[in-house]
Amino acid sequence: MKQYQIYFDNNEKLHLQFSRLKEEIQKNSFSDITFYITWTQSEKSKLEFIIKEIEKCFPESAYYGNQASGSISMGEFASGINITCYAFEGKTTRTELVWVEKETEISSL
């Protein structure tokens, strides 16, 4: 598995970073990719743009995320929006996101 971290600065820079990432992913023929997004404050319009870009550039990928008090990006504390792409190298590796409700038996596992 390879991991790519992108710190969101602005829409134009994200578009360029996703274009480079798309080339890298196509070159390496990864079996599956998943995006994990963290943010520190409610930035709905920025998050909407990020989701649209993921769906446009990587339509087969899964994505998820959550609001946090902060995260680590490229070895430093990140206080904005951080996007991590997990690229799986195994030919048969696939990811699946499953929603688990709180207070269920499986959530206690």
PDB file of N, CA and C in Angstrom:
ATOM      1  N   MET A   1       0.840  -1.171   0.000  1.00  0.00           N
ATOM      2  CA  MET A   1       0.000   0.000   0.000  1.00  0.00           C
ATOM      3  C   MET A   1       0.888   1.238   0.000  1.00  0.00           C
ATOM      4  N   LYS A   2       0.488   2.199  -0.805  1.00  0.00           N
ATOM      5  CA  LYS A   2       1.150   3.499  -0.797  1.00  0.00           C
ATOM      6  C   LYS A   2       0.159   4.525  -0.258  1.00  0.00           C
ATOM      7  N   GLN A   3       0.706   5.553   0.338  1.00  0.00           N
ATOM      8  CA  GLN A   3      -0.121   6.605   0.922  1.00  0.00           C
ATOM      9  C   GLN A   3       0.327   7.949   0.361  1.00  0.00           C
ATOM     10  N   TYR A   4      -0.632   8.720  -0.100  1.00  0.00           N
ATOM     11  CA  TYR A   4      -0.370  10.060  -0.626  1.00  0.00           C
ATOM     12  C   TYR A   4      -1.136  11.054   0.226  1.00  0.00           C
ATOM     13  N   GLN A   5      -0.461  12.098   0.688  1.00  0.00           N
ATOM     14  CA  GLN A   5      -1.120  13.111   1.504  1.00  0.00           C
ATOM     15  C   GLN A   5      -1.187  14.427   0.743  1.00  0.00           C
ATOM     16  N   ILE A   6      -2.362  15.025   0.795  1.00  0.00           N
ATOM     17  CA  ILE A   6      -2.583  16.309   0.147  1.00  0.00           C
ATOM     18  C   ILE A   6      -3.185  17.253   1.180  1.00  0.00           C
ATOM     19  N   TYR A   7      -2.572  18.397   1.332  1.00  0.00           N
ATOM     20  CA  TYR A   7      -3.126  19.427   2.210  1.00  0.00           C
ATOM     21  C   TYR A   7      -3.865  20.423   1.326  1.00  0.00           C
ATOM     22  N   PHE A   8      -5.149  20.616   1.592  1.00  0.00           N
ATOM     23  CA  PHE A   8      -5.964  21.489   0.745  1.00  0.00           C
ATOM     24  C   PHE A   8      -5.628  22.958   0.993  1.00  0.00           C
ATOM     25  N   ASP A   9      -5.153  23.623  -0.068  1.00  0.00           N
ATOM     26  CA  ASP A   9      -4.913  25.068  -0.022  1.00  0.00           C
ATOM     27  C   ASP A   9      -6.018  25.829  -0.726  1.00  0.00           C
ATOM     28  N   ASN A  10      -6.272  25.432  -1.978  1.00  0.00           N
ATOM     29  CA  ASN A  10      -7.313  26.087  -2.764  1.00  0.00           C
ATOM     30  C   ASN A  10      -7.746  25.145  -3.891  1.00  0.00           C
ATOM     31  N   ASN A  11      -8.826  25.513  -4.566  1.00  0.00           N
ATOM     32  CA  ASN A  11      -9.411  24.653  -5.591  1.00  0.00           C
ATOM     33  C   ASN A  11      -8.444  24.370  -6.740  1.00  0.00           C
ATOM     34  N   GLU A  12      -7.746  25.402  -7.220  1.00  0.00           N
ATOM     35  CA  GLU A  12      -6.850  25.232  -8.356  1.00  0.00           C
ATOM     36  C   GLU A  12      -5.694  24.282  -8.022  1.00  0.00           C
ATOM     37  N   LYS A  13      -5.113  24.460  -6.843  1.00  0.00           N
ATOM     38  CA  LYS A  13      -4.002  23.607  -6.439  1.00  0.00           C
ATOM     39  C   LYS A  13      -4.461  22.163  -6.252  1.00  0.00           C
ATOM     40  N   LEU A  14      -5.652  21.973  -5.689  1.00  0.00           N
ATOM     41  CA  LEU A  14      -6.181  20.625  -5.511  1.00  0.00           C
ATOM     42  C   LEU A  14      -6.384  19.948  -6.859  1.00  0.00           C
ATOM     43  N   HIS A  15      -6.923  20.682  -7.812  1.00  0.00           N
ATOM     44  CA  HIS A  15      -7.150  20.129  -9.151  1.00  0.00           C
ATOM     45  C   HIS A  15      -5.825  19.664  -9.763  1.00  0.00           C
ATOM     46  N   LEU A  16      -4.778  20.456  -9.625  1.00  0.00           N
ATOM     47  CA  LEU A  16      -3.456  20.097 -10.125  1.00  0.00           C
ATOM     48  C   LEU A  16      -2.901  18.875  -9.392  1.00  0.00           C
ATOM     49  N   GLN A  17      -3.034  18.844  -8.071  1.00  0.00           N
ATOM     50  CA  GLN A  17      -2.549  17.708  -7.293  1.00  0.00           C
ATOM     51  C   GLN A  17      -3.296  16.422  -7.649  1.00  0.00           C
ATOM     52  N   PHE A  18      -4.607  16.518  -7.857  1.00  0.00           N
ATOM     53  CA  PHE A  18      -5.390  15.338  -8.239  1.00  0.00           C
ATOM     54  C   PHE A  18      -4.995  14.865  -9.643  1.00  0.00           C
ATOM     55  N   SER A  19      -4.681  15.792 -10.541  1.00  0.00           N
ATOM     56  CA  SER A  19      -4.236  15.404 -11.890  1.00  0.00           C
ATOM     57  C   SER A  19      -2.936  14.615 -11.808  1.00  0.00           C
ATOM     58  N   ARG A  20      -2.000  15.078 -10.987  1.00  0.00           N
ATOM     59  CA  ARG A  20      -0.735  14.360 -10.803  1.00  0.00           C
ATOM     60  C   ARG A  20      -0.964  13.004 -10.145  1.00  0.00           C
ATOM     61  N   LEU A  21      -1.841  12.974  -9.147  1.00  0.00           N
ATOM     62  CA  LEU A  21      -2.144  11.722  -8.460  1.00  0.00           C
ATOM     63  C   LEU A  21      -2.785  10.724  -9.416  1.00  0.00           C
ATOM     64  N   LYS A  22      -3.675  11.201 -10.268  1.00  0.00           N
ATOM     65  CA  LYS A  22      -4.327  10.326 -11.236  1.00  0.00           C
ATOM     66  C   LYS A  22      -3.299   9.692 -12.170  1.00  0.00           C
ATOM     67  N   GLU A  23      -2.327  10.476 -12.625  1.00  0.00           N
ATOM     68  CA  GLU A  23      -1.260   9.944 -13.474  1.00  0.00           C
ATOM     69  C   GLU A  23      -0.459   8.870 -12.730  1.00  0.00           C
ATOM     70  N   GLU A  24      -0.126   9.142 -11.486  1.00  0.00           N
ATOM     71  CA  GLU A  24       0.637   8.198 -10.663  1.00  0.00           C
ATOM     72  C   GLU A  24      -0.141   6.898 -10.472  1.00  0.00           C
ATOM     73  N   ILE A  25      -1.411   6.997 -10.216  1.00  0.00           N
ATOM     74  CA  ILE A  25      -2.242   5.816  -9.993  1.00  0.00           C
ATOM     75  C   ILE A  25      -2.379   4.998 -11.270  1.00  0.00           C
ATOM     76  N   GLN A  26      -2.581   5.667 -12.398  1.00  0.00           N
ATOM     77  CA  GLN A  26      -2.686   4.949 -13.664  1.00  0.00           C
ATOM     78  C   GLN A  26      -1.366   4.284 -14.037  1.00  0.00           C
ATOM     79  N   LYS A  27      -0.259   4.955 -13.762  1.00  0.00           N
ATOM     80  CA  LYS A  27       1.066   4.419 -14.080  1.00  0.00           C
ATOM     81  C   LYS A  27       1.357   3.150 -13.277  1.00  0.00           C
ATOM     82  N   ASN A  28       0.906   3.109 -12.026  1.00  0.00           N
ATOM     83  CA  ASN A  28       1.201   1.988 -11.147  1.00  0.00           C
ATOM     84  C   ASN A  28       0.135   0.906 -11.121  1.00  0.00           C
ATOM     85  N   SER A  29      -0.971   1.125 -11.781  1.00  0.00           N
ATOM     86  CA  SER A  29      -2.053   0.134 -11.844  1.00  0.00           C
ATOM     87  C   SER A  29      -2.453  -0.390 -10.470  1.00  0.00           C
ATOM     88  N   PHE A  30      -2.755   0.501  -9.547  1.00  0.00           N
ATOM     89  CA  PHE A  30      -3.208   0.086  -8.227  1.00  0.00           C
ATOM     90  C   PHE A  30      -4.547  -0.617  -8.342  1.00  0.00           C
ATOM     91  N   SER A  31      -4.774  -1.579  -7.469  1.00  0.00           N
ATOM     92  CA  SER A  31      -6.016  -2.352  -7.523  1.00  0.00           C
ATOM     93  C   SER A  31      -7.206  -1.571  -6.984  1.00  0.00           C
ATOM     94  N   ASP A  32      -6.965  -0.682  -6.025  1.00  0.00           N
ATOM     95  CA  ASP A  32      -8.067   0.062  -5.409  1.00  0.00           C
ATOM     96  C   ASP A  32      -7.482   1.280  -4.701  1.00  0.00           C
ATOM     97  N   ILE A  33      -8.263   2.332  -4.602  1.00  0.00           N
ATOM     98  CA  ILE A  33      -7.840   3.500  -3.843  1.00  0.00           C
ATOM     99  C   ILE A  33      -8.989   3.981  -2.964  1.00  0.00           C
ATOM    100  N   THR A  34      -8.621   4.543  -1.827  1.00  0.00           N
ATOM    101  CA  THR A  34      -9.587   5.066  -0.875  1.00  0.00           C
ATOM    102  C   THR A  34      -9.072   6.398  -0.353  1.00  0.00           C
ATOM    103  N   PHE A  35      -9.963   7.364  -0.215  1.00  0.00           N
ATOM    104  CA  PHE A  35      -9.601   8.675   0.302  1.00  0.00           C
ATOM    105  C   PHE A  35     -10.158   8.853   1.713  1.00  0.00           C
ATOM    106  N   TYR A  36      -9.326   9.405   2.581  1.00  0.00           N
ATOM    107  CA  TYR A  36      -9.737   9.749   3.941  1.00  0.00           C
ATOM    108  C   TYR A  36      -9.510  11.242   4.119  1.00  0.00           C
ATOM    109  N   ILE A  37     -10.561  11.962   4.486  1.00  0.00           N
ATOM    110  CA  ILE A  37     -10.520  13.419   4.583  1.00  0.00           C
ATOM    111  C   ILE A  37     -10.756  13.826   6.031  1.00  0.00           C
ATOM    112  N   THR A  38      -9.897  14.690   6.560  1.00  0.00           N
ATOM    113  CA  THR A  38     -10.133  15.266   7.885  1.00  0.00           C
ATOM    114  C   THR A  38     -10.138  16.778   7.754  1.00  0.00           C
ATOM    115  N   TRP A  39     -10.955  17.419   8.579  1.00  0.00           N
ATOM    116  CA  TRP A  39     -11.015  18.871   8.584  1.00  0.00           C
ATOM    117  C   TRP A  39     -11.237  19.345  10.004  1.00  0.00           C
ATOM    118  N   THR A  40     -10.848  20.599  10.275  1.00  0.00           N
ATOM    119  CA  THR A  40     -10.907  21.097  11.648  1.00  0.00           C
ATOM    120  C   THR A  40     -12.090  22.013  11.905  1.00  0.00           C
ATOM    121  N   GLN A  41     -12.704  22.497  10.880  1.00  0.00           N
ATOM    122  CA  GLN A  41     -13.881  23.346  11.069  1.00  0.00           C
ATOM    123  C   GLN A  41     -14.832  23.127   9.909  1.00  0.00           C
ATOM    124  N   SER A  42     -16.057  23.502  10.083  1.00  0.00           N
ATOM    125  CA  SER A  42     -17.059  23.294   9.049  1.00  0.00           C
ATOM    126  C   SER A  42     -16.752  24.177   7.848  1.00  0.00           C
ATOM    127  N   GLU A  43     -16.369  23.540   6.758  1.00  0.00           N
ATOM    128  CA  GLU A  43     -16.047  24.252   5.530  1.00  0.00           C
ATOM    129  C   GLU A  43     -16.798  23.571   4.394  1.00  0.00           C
ATOM    130  N   LYS A  44     -18.108  23.686   4.427  1.00  0.00           N
ATOM    131  CA  LYS A  44     -18.976  22.933   3.539  1.00  0.00           C
ATOM    132  C   LYS A  44     -18.646  23.134   2.059  1.00  0.00           C
ATOM    133  N   SER A  45     -18.436  24.353   1.610  1.00  0.00           N
ATOM    134  CA  SER A  45     -18.185  24.588   0.186  1.00  0.00           C
ATOM    135  C   SER A  45     -16.865  23.962  -0.256  1.00  0.00           C
ATOM    136  N   LYS A  46     -15.848  24.009   0.601  1.00  0.00           N
ATOM    137  CA  LYS A  46     -14.556  23.395   0.260  1.00  0.00           C
ATOM    138  C   LYS A  46     -14.694  21.876   0.211  1.00  0.00           C
ATOM    139  N   LEU A  47     -15.405  21.313   1.175  1.00  0.00           N
ATOM    140  CA  LEU A  47     -15.609  19.864   1.193  1.00  0.00           C
ATOM    141  C   LEU A  47     -16.422  19.402  -0.011  1.00  0.00           C
ATOM    142  N   GLU A  48     -17.421  20.170  -0.390  1.00  0.00           N
ATOM    143  CA  GLU A  48     -18.220  19.834  -1.573  1.00  0.00           C
ATOM    144  C   GLU A  48     -17.343  19.814  -2.816  1.00  0.00           C
ATOM    145  N   PHE A  49     -16.436  20.786  -2.950  1.00  0.00           N
ATOM    146  CA  PHE A  49     -15.527  20.816  -4.096  1.00  0.00           C
ATOM    147  C   PHE A  49     -14.626  19.590  -4.092  1.00  0.00           C
ATOM    148  N   ILE A  50     -14.079  19.245  -2.941  1.00  0.00           N
ATOM    149  CA  ILE A  50     -13.192  18.085  -2.835  1.00  0.00           C
ATOM    150  C   ILE A  50     -13.924  16.810  -3.254  1.00  0.00           C
ATOM    151  N   ILE A  51     -15.140  16.632  -2.763  1.00  0.00           N
ATOM    152  CA  ILE A  51     -15.928  15.441  -3.100  1.00  0.00           C
ATOM    153  C   ILE A  51     -16.203  15.391  -4.602  1.00  0.00           C
ATOM    154  N   LYS A  52     -16.578  16.511  -5.192  1.00  0.00           N
ATOM    155  CA  LYS A  52     -16.834  16.552  -6.648  1.00  0.00           C
ATOM    156  C   LYS A  52     -15.577  16.190  -7.430  1.00  0.00           C
ATOM    157  N   GLU A  53     -14.421  16.674  -6.986  1.00  0.00           N
ATOM    158  CA  GLU A  53     -13.161  16.359  -7.664  1.00  0.00           C
ATOM    159  C   GLU A  53     -12.826  14.874  -7.538  1.00  0.00           C
ATOM    160  N   ILE A  54     -13.030  14.308  -6.359  1.00  0.00           N
ATOM    161  CA  ILE A  54     -12.784  12.874  -6.185  1.00  0.00           C
ATOM    162  C   ILE A  54     -13.693  12.076  -7.108  1.00  0.00           C
ATOM    163  N   GLU A  55     -14.975  12.415  -7.120  1.00  0.00           N
ATOM    164  CA  GLU A  55     -15.931  11.677  -7.945  1.00  0.00           C
ATOM    165  C   GLU A  55     -15.637  11.831  -9.436  1.00  0.00           C
ATOM    166  N   LYS A  56     -15.115  12.981  -9.830  1.00  0.00           N
ATOM    167  CA  LYS A  56     -14.792  13.216 -11.234  1.00  0.00           C
ATOM    168  C   LYS A  56     -13.490  12.514 -11.635  1.00  0.00           C
ATOM    169  N   CYS A  57     -12.449  12.646 -10.826  1.00  0.00           N
ATOM    170  CA  CYS A  57     -11.130  12.106 -11.168  1.00  0.00           C
ATOM    171  C   CYS A  57     -10.978  10.632 -10.838  1.00  0.00           C
ATOM    172  N   PHE A  58     -11.654  10.184  -9.779  1.00  0.00           N
ATOM    173  CA  PHE A  58     -11.502   8.810  -9.285  1.00  0.00           C
ATOM    174  C   PHE A  58     -12.884   8.209  -9.028  1.00  0.00           C
ATOM    175  N   PRO A  59     -13.682   8.023 -10.070  1.00  0.00           N
ATOM    176  CA  PRO A  59     -15.083   7.614  -9.871  1.00  0.00           C
ATOM    177  C   PRO A  59     -15.274   6.271  -9.185  1.00  0.00           C
ATOM    178  N   GLU A  60     -14.295   5.394  -9.240  1.00  0.00           N
ATOM    179  CA  GLU A  60     -14.423   4.070  -8.632  1.00  0.00           C
ATOM    180  C   GLU A  60     -13.962   4.040  -7.176  1.00  0.00           C
ATOM    181  N   SER A  61     -13.418   5.141  -6.689  1.00  0.00           N
ATOM    182  CA  SER A  61     -12.831   5.130  -5.342  1.00  0.00           C
ATOM    183  C   SER A  61     -13.876   5.368  -4.256  1.00  0.00           C
ATOM    184  N   ALA A  62     -13.541   4.889  -3.076  1.00  0.00           N
ATOM    185  CA  ALA A  62     -14.352   5.164  -1.891  1.00  0.00           C
ATOM    186  C   ALA A  62     -13.737   6.359  -1.179  1.00  0.00           C
ATOM    187  N   TYR A  63     -14.552   7.096  -0.425  1.00  0.00           N
ATOM    188  CA  TYR A  63     -14.032   8.200   0.370  1.00  0.00           C
ATOM    189  C   TYR A  63     -14.850   8.327   1.642  1.00  0.00           C
ATOM    190  N   TYR A  64     -14.187   8.783   2.674  1.00  0.00           N
ATOM    191  CA  TYR A  64     -14.843   8.992   3.961  1.00  0.00           C
ATOM    192  C   TYR A  64     -14.017  10.000   4.735  1.00  0.00           C
ATOM    193  N   GLY A  65     -14.520  10.433   5.873  1.00  0.00           N
ATOM    194  CA  GLY A  65     -13.763  11.390   6.664  1.00  0.00           C
ATOM    195  C   GLY A  65     -14.511  11.827   7.892  1.00  0.00           C
ATOM    196  N   ASN A  66     -13.881  12.738   8.611  1.00  0.00           N
ATOM    197  CA  ASN A  66     -14.516  13.261   9.809  1.00  0.00           C
ATOM    198  C   ASN A  66     -13.864  14.576  10.225  1.00  0.00           C
ATOM    199  N   GLN A  67     -14.610  15.304  11.011  1.00  0.00           N
ATOM    200  CA  GLN A  67     -14.089  16.540  11.579  1.00  0.00           C
ATOM    201  C   GLN A  67     -13.248  16.183  12.791  1.00  0.00           C
ATOM    202  N   ALA A  68     -12.096  16.816  12.907  1.00  0.00           N
ATOM    203  CA  ALA A  68     -11.183  16.531  14.007  1.00  0.00           C
ATOM    204  C   ALA A  68     -10.631  17.841  14.550  1.00  0.00           C
ATOM    205  N   SER A  69     -10.037  17.779  15.698  1.00  0.00           N
ATOM    206  CA  SER A  69      -9.434  18.986  16.268  1.00  0.00           C
ATOM    207  C   SER A  69      -8.112  19.307  15.591  1.00  0.00           C
ATOM    208  N   GLY A  70      -7.651  18.420  14.746  1.00  0.00           N
ATOM    209  CA  GLY A  70      -6.422  18.616  13.998  1.00  0.00           C
ATOM    210  C   GLY A  70      -5.935  17.280  13.497  1.00  0.00           C
ATOM    211  N   SER A  71      -5.010  17.306  12.588  1.00  0.00           N
ATOM    212  CA  SER A  71      -4.446  16.069  12.074  1.00  0.00           C
ATOM    213  C   SER A  71      -2.975  16.296  11.751  1.00  0.00           C
ATOM    214  N   ILE A  72      -2.319  15.246  11.343  1.00  0.00           N
ATOM    215  CA  ILE A  72      -0.917  15.320  10.964  1.00  0.00           C
ATOM    216  C   ILE A  72      -0.854  15.149   9.452  1.00  0.00           C
ATOM    217  N   SER A  73      -0.190  16.060   8.786  1.00  0.00           N
ATOM    218  CA  SER A  73      -0.019  15.984   7.342  1.00  0.00           C
ATOM    219  C   SER A  73       1.442  16.214   7.017  1.00  0.00           C
ATOM    220  N   MET A  74       2.041  15.246   6.343  1.00  0.00           N
ATOM    221  CA  MET A  74       3.440  15.338   5.937  1.00  0.00           C
ATOM    222  C   MET A  74       4.355  15.668   7.109  1.00  0.00           C
ATOM    223  N   GLY A  75       4.057  15.064   8.253  1.00  0.00           N
ATOM    224  CA  GLY A  75       4.905  15.210   9.425  1.00  0.00           C
ATOM    225  C   GLY A  75       4.704  16.472  10.234  1.00  0.00           C
ATOM    226  N   GLU A  76       3.666  17.235   9.920  1.00  0.00           N
ATOM    227  CA  GLU A  76       3.402  18.471  10.648  1.00  0.00           C
ATOM    228  C   GLU A  76       1.933  18.541  11.040  1.00  0.00           C
ATOM    229  N   PHE A  77       1.642  19.306  12.085  1.00  0.00           N
ATOM    230  CA  PHE A  77       0.268  19.519  12.508  1.00  0.00           C
ATOM    231  C   PHE A  77      -0.475  20.271  11.407  1.00  0.00           C
ATOM    232  N   ALA A  78      -1.650  19.785  11.040  1.00  0.00           N
ATOM    233  CA  ALA A  78      -2.457  20.416   9.997  1.00  0.00           C
ATOM    234  C   ALA A  78      -3.768  20.893  10.611  1.00  0.00           C
ATOM    235  N   SER A  79      -4.086  22.132  10.397  1.00  0.00           N
ATOM    236  CA  SER A  79      -5.302  22.670  11.002  1.00  0.00           C
ATOM    237  C   SER A  79      -6.410  22.914   9.982  1.00  0.00           C
ATOM    238  N   GLY A  80      -6.191  22.612   8.736  1.00  0.00           N
ATOM    239  CA  GLY A  80      -7.204  22.814   7.705  1.00  0.00           C
ATOM    240  C   GLY A  80      -7.795  21.500   7.255  1.00  0.00           C
ATOM    241  N   ILE A  81      -7.826  21.312   5.941  1.00  0.00           N
ATOM    242  CA  ILE A  81      -8.363  20.080   5.360  1.00  0.00           C
ATOM    243  C   ILE A  81      -7.205  19.237   4.852  1.00  0.00           C
ATOM    244  N   ASN A  82      -7.149  18.007   5.319  1.00  0.00           N
ATOM    245  CA  ASN A  82      -6.100  17.075   4.927  1.00  0.00           C
ATOM    246  C   ASN A  82      -6.753  15.893   4.206  1.00  0.00           C
ATOM    247  N   ILE A  83      -6.206  15.535   3.051  1.00  0.00           N
ATOM    248  CA  ILE A  83      -6.732  14.429   2.255  1.00  0.00           C
ATOM    249  C   ILE A  83      -5.644  13.375   2.150  1.00  0.00           C
ATOM    250  N   THR A  84      -5.962  12.155   2.551  1.00  0.00           N
ATOM    251  CA  THR A  84      -5.016  11.054   2.434  1.00  0.00           C
ATOM    252  C   THR A  84      -5.587  10.040   1.455  1.00  0.00           C
ATOM    253  N   CYS A  85      -4.776   9.683   0.474  1.00  0.00           N
ATOM    254  CA  CYS A  85      -5.173   8.664  -0.497  1.00  0.00           C
ATOM    255  C   CYS A  85      -4.396   7.400  -0.196  1.00  0.00           C
ATOM    256  N   TYR A  86      -5.110   6.311   0.049  1.00  0.00           N
ATOM    257  CA  TYR A  86      -4.504   5.002   0.252  1.00  0.00           C
ATOM    258  C   TYR A  86      -4.628   4.233  -1.067  1.00  0.00           C
ATOM    259  N   ALA A  87      -3.498   3.878  -1.663  1.00  0.00           N
ATOM    260  CA  ALA A  87      -3.476   3.154  -2.931  1.00  0.00           C
ATOM    261  C   ALA A  87      -2.975   1.735  -2.665  1.00  0.00           C
ATOM    262  N   PHE A  88      -3.804   0.767  -2.989  1.00  0.00           N
ATOM    263  CA  PHE A  88      -3.498  -0.630  -2.689  1.00  0.00           C
ATOM    264  C   PHE A  88      -2.848  -1.296  -3.891  1.00  0.00           C
ATOM    265  N   GLU A  89      -1.711  -1.948  -3.627  1.00  0.00           N
ATOM    266  CA  GLU A  89      -0.912  -2.528  -4.703  1.00  0.00           C
ATOM    267  C   GLU A  89      -1.254  -3.980  -5.012  1.00  0.00           C
ATOM    268  N   GLY A  90      -1.887  -4.677  -4.081  1.00  0.00           N
ATOM    269  CA  GLY A  90      -2.241  -6.072  -4.306  1.00  0.00           C
ATOM    270  C   GLY A  90      -3.259  -6.204  -5.426  1.00  0.00           C
ATOM    271  N   LYS A  91      -3.059  -7.152  -6.302  1.00  0.00           N
ATOM    272  CA  LYS A  91      -3.935  -7.292  -7.470  1.00  0.00           C
ATOM    273  C   LYS A  91      -5.394  -7.553  -7.104  1.00  0.00           C
ATOM    274  N   THR A  92      -5.620  -8.215  -5.967  1.00  0.00           N
ATOM    275  CA  THR A  92      -6.992  -8.551  -5.584  1.00  0.00           C
ATOM    276  C   THR A  92      -7.485  -7.746  -4.378  1.00  0.00           C
ATOM    277  N   THR A  93      -6.692  -6.787  -3.904  1.00  0.00           N
ATOM    278  CA  THR A  93      -7.104  -5.998  -2.742  1.00  0.00           C
ATOM    279  C   THR A  93      -8.236  -5.059  -3.121  1.00  0.00           C
ATOM    280  N   ARG A  94      -9.284  -5.071  -2.331  1.00  0.00           N
ATOM    281  CA  ARG A  94     -10.425  -4.179  -2.528  1.00  0.00           C
ATOM    282  C   ARG A  94     -10.835  -3.622  -1.166  1.00  0.00           C
ATOM    283  N   THR A  95     -11.382  -2.428  -1.167  1.00  0.00           N
ATOM    284  CA  THR A  95     -11.865  -1.846   0.082  1.00  0.00           C
ATOM    285  C   THR A  95     -13.379  -1.751   0.041  1.00  0.00           C
ATOM    286  N   GLU A  96     -13.956  -1.756   1.211  1.00  0.00           N
ATOM    287  CA  GLU A  96     -15.398  -1.597   1.347  1.00  0.00           C
ATOM    288  C   GLU A  96     -15.646  -0.783   2.610  1.00  0.00           C
ATOM    289  N   LEU A  97     -16.430   0.267   2.481  1.00  0.00           N
ATOM    290  CA  LEU A  97     -16.792   1.068   3.643  1.00  0.00           C
ATOM    291  C   LEU A  97     -18.121   0.574   4.176  1.00  0.00           C
ATOM    292  N   VAL A  98     -18.171   0.349   5.467  1.00  0.00           N
ATOM    293  CA  VAL A  98     -19.384  -0.154   6.113  1.00  0.00           C
ATOM    294  C   VAL A  98     -19.758   0.812   7.222  1.00  0.00           C
ATOM    295  N   TRP A  99     -20.991   1.278   7.211  1.00  0.00           N
ATOM    296  CA  TRP A  99     -21.487   2.183   8.242  1.00  0.00           C
ATOM    297  C   TRP A  99     -21.950   1.357   9.431  1.00  0.00           C
ATOM    298  N   VAL A 100     -21.417   1.653  10.605  1.00  0.00           N
ATOM    299  CA  VAL A 100     -21.795   0.939  11.817  1.00  0.00           C
ATOM    300  C   VAL A 100     -22.420   1.941  12.778  1.00  0.00           C
ATOM    301  N   GLU A 101     -23.637   1.679  13.170  1.00  0.00           N
ATOM    302  CA  GLU A 101     -24.344   2.558  14.091  1.00  0.00           C
ATOM    303  C   GLU A 101     -23.806   2.394  15.501  1.00  0.00           C
ATOM    304  N   LYS A 102     -23.746   3.490  16.234  1.00  0.00           N
ATOM    305  CA  LYS A 102     -23.369   3.401  17.647  1.00  0.00           C
ATOM    306  C   LYS A 102     -24.409   2.549  18.365  1.00  0.00           C
ATOM    307  N   GLU A 103     -23.970   2.010  19.479  1.00  0.00           N
ATOM    308  CA  GLU A 103     -24.841   1.222  20.347  1.00  0.00           C
ATOM    309  C   GLU A 103     -25.306  -0.087  19.706  1.00  0.00           C
ATOM    310  N   THR A 104     -24.552  -0.584  18.740  1.00  0.00           N
ATOM    311  CA  THR A 104     -24.896  -1.891  18.185  1.00  0.00           C
ATOM    312  C   THR A 104     -23.871  -2.909  18.664  1.00  0.00           C
ATOM    313  N   GLU A 105     -24.226  -4.158  18.544  1.00  0.00           N
ATOM    314  CA  GLU A 105     -23.326  -5.212  19.001  1.00  0.00           C
ATOM    315  C   GLU A 105     -21.995  -5.161  18.269  1.00  0.00           C
ATOM    316  N   ILE A 106     -22.034  -4.947  16.961  1.00  0.00           N
ATOM    317  CA  ILE A 106     -20.798  -4.944  16.177  1.00  0.00           C
ATOM    318  C   ILE A 106     -19.916  -3.742  16.526  1.00  0.00           C
ATOM    319  N   SER A 107     -20.506  -2.614  16.911  1.00  0.00           N
ATOM    320  CA  SER A 107     -19.682  -1.443  17.236  1.00  0.00           C
ATOM    321  C   SER A 107     -18.859  -1.660  18.490  1.00  0.00           C
ATOM    322  N   SER A 108     -19.260  -2.596  19.332  1.00  0.00           N
ATOM    323  CA  SER A 108     -18.492  -2.869  20.538  1.00  0.00           C
ATOM    324  C   SER A 108     -17.295  -3.776  20.278  1.00  0.00           C
ATOM    325  N   LEU A 109     -17.245  -4.364  19.082  1.00  0.00           N
ATOM    326  CA  LEU A 109     -16.100  -5.213  18.731  1.00  0.00           C
ATOM    327  C   LEU A 109     -14.947  -4.326  18.440  1.00  0.00           C
TER     328      LEU A 109
END
